[in-house]
Amino acid sequence: MLRVVVYDVACPRRLRRVAEVCLDQGVRVQKSVFECWLDEDRFDALWHSLQQVIEPSEDRLLAYTLDAAAARRRRVAGTASTLSEKRSHYVL
């Protein structure tokens, strides 16, 4: 499933940490927006990691789940536009 993770983090230090956690799992498509192709277990682990970084009284996390059909209907326009692609294999 394609997960879109969006955040608004007040503290620059926490902001960097949230971005680092997201970069481990997905592709940055906007400053505070990541696309992550993750199954339920990996997404739950990511969500847990993000919750450990933020301050709930000051920061906000949002995540949207798109099924394969919705993910294929994404649109992008403009310079340096990037859409992540689902990986069918990994090179280690």
C-alpha atoms as a PDB file:
ATOM      1  CA  MET A   1       0.000   0.000   0.000  1.00  0.00           C
ATOM      2  CA  LEU A   2       1.116   3.544  -0.654  1.00  0.00           C
ATOM      3  CA  ARG A   3       1.272   5.593   2.526  1.00  0.00           C
ATOM      4  CA  VAL A   4       1.467   9.368   2.337  1.00  0.00           C
ATOM      5  CA  VAL A   5       2.988  10.790   5.523  1.00  0.00           C
ATOM      6  CA  VAL A   6       2.592  14.503   6.222  1.00  0.00           C
ATOM      7  CA  TYR A   7       3.888  16.416   9.206  1.00  0.00           C
ATOM      8  CA  ASP A   8       4.073  19.828  10.820  1.00  0.00           C
ATOM      9  CA  VAL A   9       6.784  19.934  13.480  1.00  0.00           C
ATOM     10  CA  ALA A  10       7.489  23.042  15.553  1.00  0.00           C
ATOM     11  CA  CYS A  11      11.071  22.364  16.683  1.00  0.00           C
ATOM     12  CA  PRO A  12      13.857  22.311  14.035  1.00  0.00           C
ATOM     13  CA  ARG A  13      15.653  19.479  15.829  1.00  0.00           C
ATOM     14  CA  ARG A  14      12.528  17.277  15.916  1.00  0.00           C
ATOM     15  CA  LEU A  15      11.754  18.297  12.331  1.00  0.00           C
ATOM     16  CA  ARG A  16      15.121  16.900  11.184  1.00  0.00           C
ATOM     17  CA  ARG A  17      14.598  13.710  13.165  1.00  0.00           C
ATOM     18  CA  VAL A  18      11.126  13.153  11.678  1.00  0.00           C
ATOM     19  CA  ALA A  19      12.513  13.679   8.168  1.00  0.00           C
ATOM     20  CA  GLU A  20      15.346  11.213   8.833  1.00  0.00           C
ATOM     21  CA  VAL A  21      12.885   8.554  10.011  1.00  0.00           C
ATOM     22  CA  CYS A  22      10.745   9.103   6.909  1.00  0.00           C
ATOM     23  CA  LEU A  23      13.754   9.048   4.559  1.00  0.00           C
ATOM     24  CA  ASP A  24      14.563   5.544   5.811  1.00  0.00           C
ATOM     25  CA  GLN A  25      11.173   4.326   4.562  1.00  0.00           C
ATOM     26  CA  GLY A  26      10.090   6.506   1.670  1.00  0.00           C
ATOM     27  CA  VAL A  27      10.646   9.266  -0.849  1.00  0.00           C
ATOM     28  CA  ARG A  28      10.283  12.968  -0.097  1.00  0.00           C
ATOM     29  CA  VAL A  29       7.818  14.525  -2.564  1.00  0.00           C
ATOM     30  CA  GLN A  30       7.389  17.866  -0.778  1.00  0.00           C
ATOM     31  CA  LYS A  31       9.204  19.512   2.112  1.00  0.00           C
ATOM     32  CA  SER A  32       7.090  17.734   4.761  1.00  0.00           C
ATOM     33  CA  VAL A  33       5.426  15.052   2.620  1.00  0.00           C
ATOM     34  CA  PHE A  34       6.716  11.526   2.020  1.00  0.00           C
ATOM     35  CA  GLU A  35       5.420   8.646  -0.076  1.00  0.00           C
ATOM     36  CA  CYS A  36       6.159   5.253   1.446  1.00  0.00           C
ATOM     37  CA  TRP A  37       5.309   1.851  -0.098  1.00  0.00           C
ATOM     38  CA  LEU A  38       4.813  -0.190   3.072  1.00  0.00           C
ATOM     39  CA  ASP A  39       2.793  -3.158   4.225  1.00  0.00           C
ATOM     40  CA  GLU A  40       0.796  -2.841   7.436  1.00  0.00           C
ATOM     41  CA  ASP A  41       3.540  -4.111   9.761  1.00  0.00           C
ATOM     42  CA  ARG A  42       6.255  -1.846   8.344  1.00  0.00           C
ATOM     43  CA  PHE A  43       3.890   1.134   8.400  1.00  0.00           C
ATOM     44  CA  ASP A  44       2.989   0.429  12.033  1.00  0.00           C
ATOM     45  CA  ALA A  45       6.717   0.369  12.881  1.00  0.00           C
ATOM     46  CA  LEU A  46       7.262   3.673  11.030  1.00  0.00           C
ATOM     47  CA  TRP A  47       4.282   5.280  12.763  1.00  0.00           C
ATOM     48  CA  HIS A  48       5.547   4.134  16.145  1.00  0.00           C
ATOM     49  CA  SER A  49       9.015   5.541  15.415  1.00  0.00           C
ATOM     50  CA  LEU A  50       7.552   8.885  14.361  1.00  0.00           C
ATOM     51  CA  GLN A  51       5.437   9.105  17.498  1.00  0.00           C
ATOM     52  CA  GLN A  52       8.583   8.635  19.581  1.00  0.00           C
ATOM     53  CA  VAL A  53      10.136  11.716  17.935  1.00  0.00           C
ATOM     54  CA  ILE A  54       7.327  14.274  17.995  1.00  0.00           C
ATOM     55  CA  GLU A  55       5.939  16.336  20.849  1.00  0.00           C
ATOM     56  CA  PRO A  56       2.158  15.703  20.600  1.00  0.00           C
ATOM     57  CA  SER A  57       1.252  19.017  22.224  1.00  0.00           C
ATOM     58  CA  GLU A  58       3.204  20.977  19.558  1.00  0.00           C
ATOM     59  CA  ASP A  59       3.543  18.769  16.465  1.00  0.00           C
ATOM     60  CA  ARG A  60       1.199  16.989  14.091  1.00  0.00           C
ATOM     61  CA  LEU A  61       1.491  13.810  12.014  1.00  0.00           C
ATOM     62  CA  LEU A  62      -0.953  12.679   9.341  1.00  0.00           C
ATOM     63  CA  ALA A  63      -0.898   9.544   7.222  1.00  0.00           C
ATOM     64  CA  TYR A  64      -3.091   8.530   4.320  1.00  0.00           C
ATOM     65  CA  THR A  65      -3.292   5.037   2.869  1.00  0.00           C
ATOM     66  CA  LEU A  66      -3.910   4.638  -0.861  1.00  0.00           C
ATOM     67  CA  ASP A  67      -4.741   1.336  -2.474  1.00  0.00           C
ATOM     68  CA  ALA A  68      -3.066   0.366  -5.755  1.00  0.00           C
ATOM     69  CA  ALA A  69      -5.840   1.859  -7.914  1.00  0.00           C
ATOM     70  CA  ALA A  70      -5.750   5.208  -6.126  1.00  0.00           C
ATOM     71  CA  ALA A  71      -1.939   5.271  -6.205  1.00  0.00           C
ATOM     72  CA  ARG A  72      -1.955   4.848  -9.995  1.00  0.00           C
ATOM     73  CA  ARG A  73      -4.276   7.867 -10.330  1.00  0.00           C
ATOM     74  CA  ARG A  74      -1.795  10.263  -8.714  1.00  0.00           C
ATOM     75  CA  ARG A  75      -0.903  13.305 -10.794  1.00  0.00           C
ATOM     76  CA  VAL A  76       2.194  15.432 -10.740  1.00  0.00           C
ATOM     77  CA  ALA A  77       3.144  18.644 -12.531  1.00  0.00           C
ATOM     78  CA  GLY A  78       5.926  21.174 -12.417  1.00  0.00           C
ATOM     79  CA  THR A  79       9.668  21.133 -12.269  1.00  0.00           C
ATOM     80  CA  ALA A  80      11.578  18.576 -10.279  1.00  0.00           C
ATOM     81  CA  SER A  81       8.369  16.640  -9.678  1.00  0.00           C
ATOM     82  CA  THR A  82       8.873  13.204  -8.235  1.00  0.00           C
ATOM     83  CA  LEU A  83       6.547  10.308  -7.677  1.00  0.00           C
ATOM     84  CA  SER A  84       7.807   7.283  -5.872  1.00  0.00           C
ATOM     85  CA  GLU A  85       7.379   3.914  -7.506  1.00  0.00           C
ATOM     86  CA  LYS A  86       6.462   0.684  -5.809  1.00  0.00           C
ATOM     87  CA  ARG A  87       9.512  -1.531  -5.652  1.00  0.00           C
ATOM     88  CA  SER A  88       9.072  -5.102  -6.746  1.00  0.00           C
ATOM     89  CA  HIS A  89      12.629  -6.055  -5.774  1.00  0.00           C
ATOM     90  CA  TYR A  90      15.433  -4.745  -3.636  1.00  0.00           C
ATOM     91  CA  VAL A  91      19.189  -4.824  -4.139  1.00  0.00           C
ATOM     92  CA  LEU A  92      21.219  -5.355  -1.009  1.00  0.00           C
END
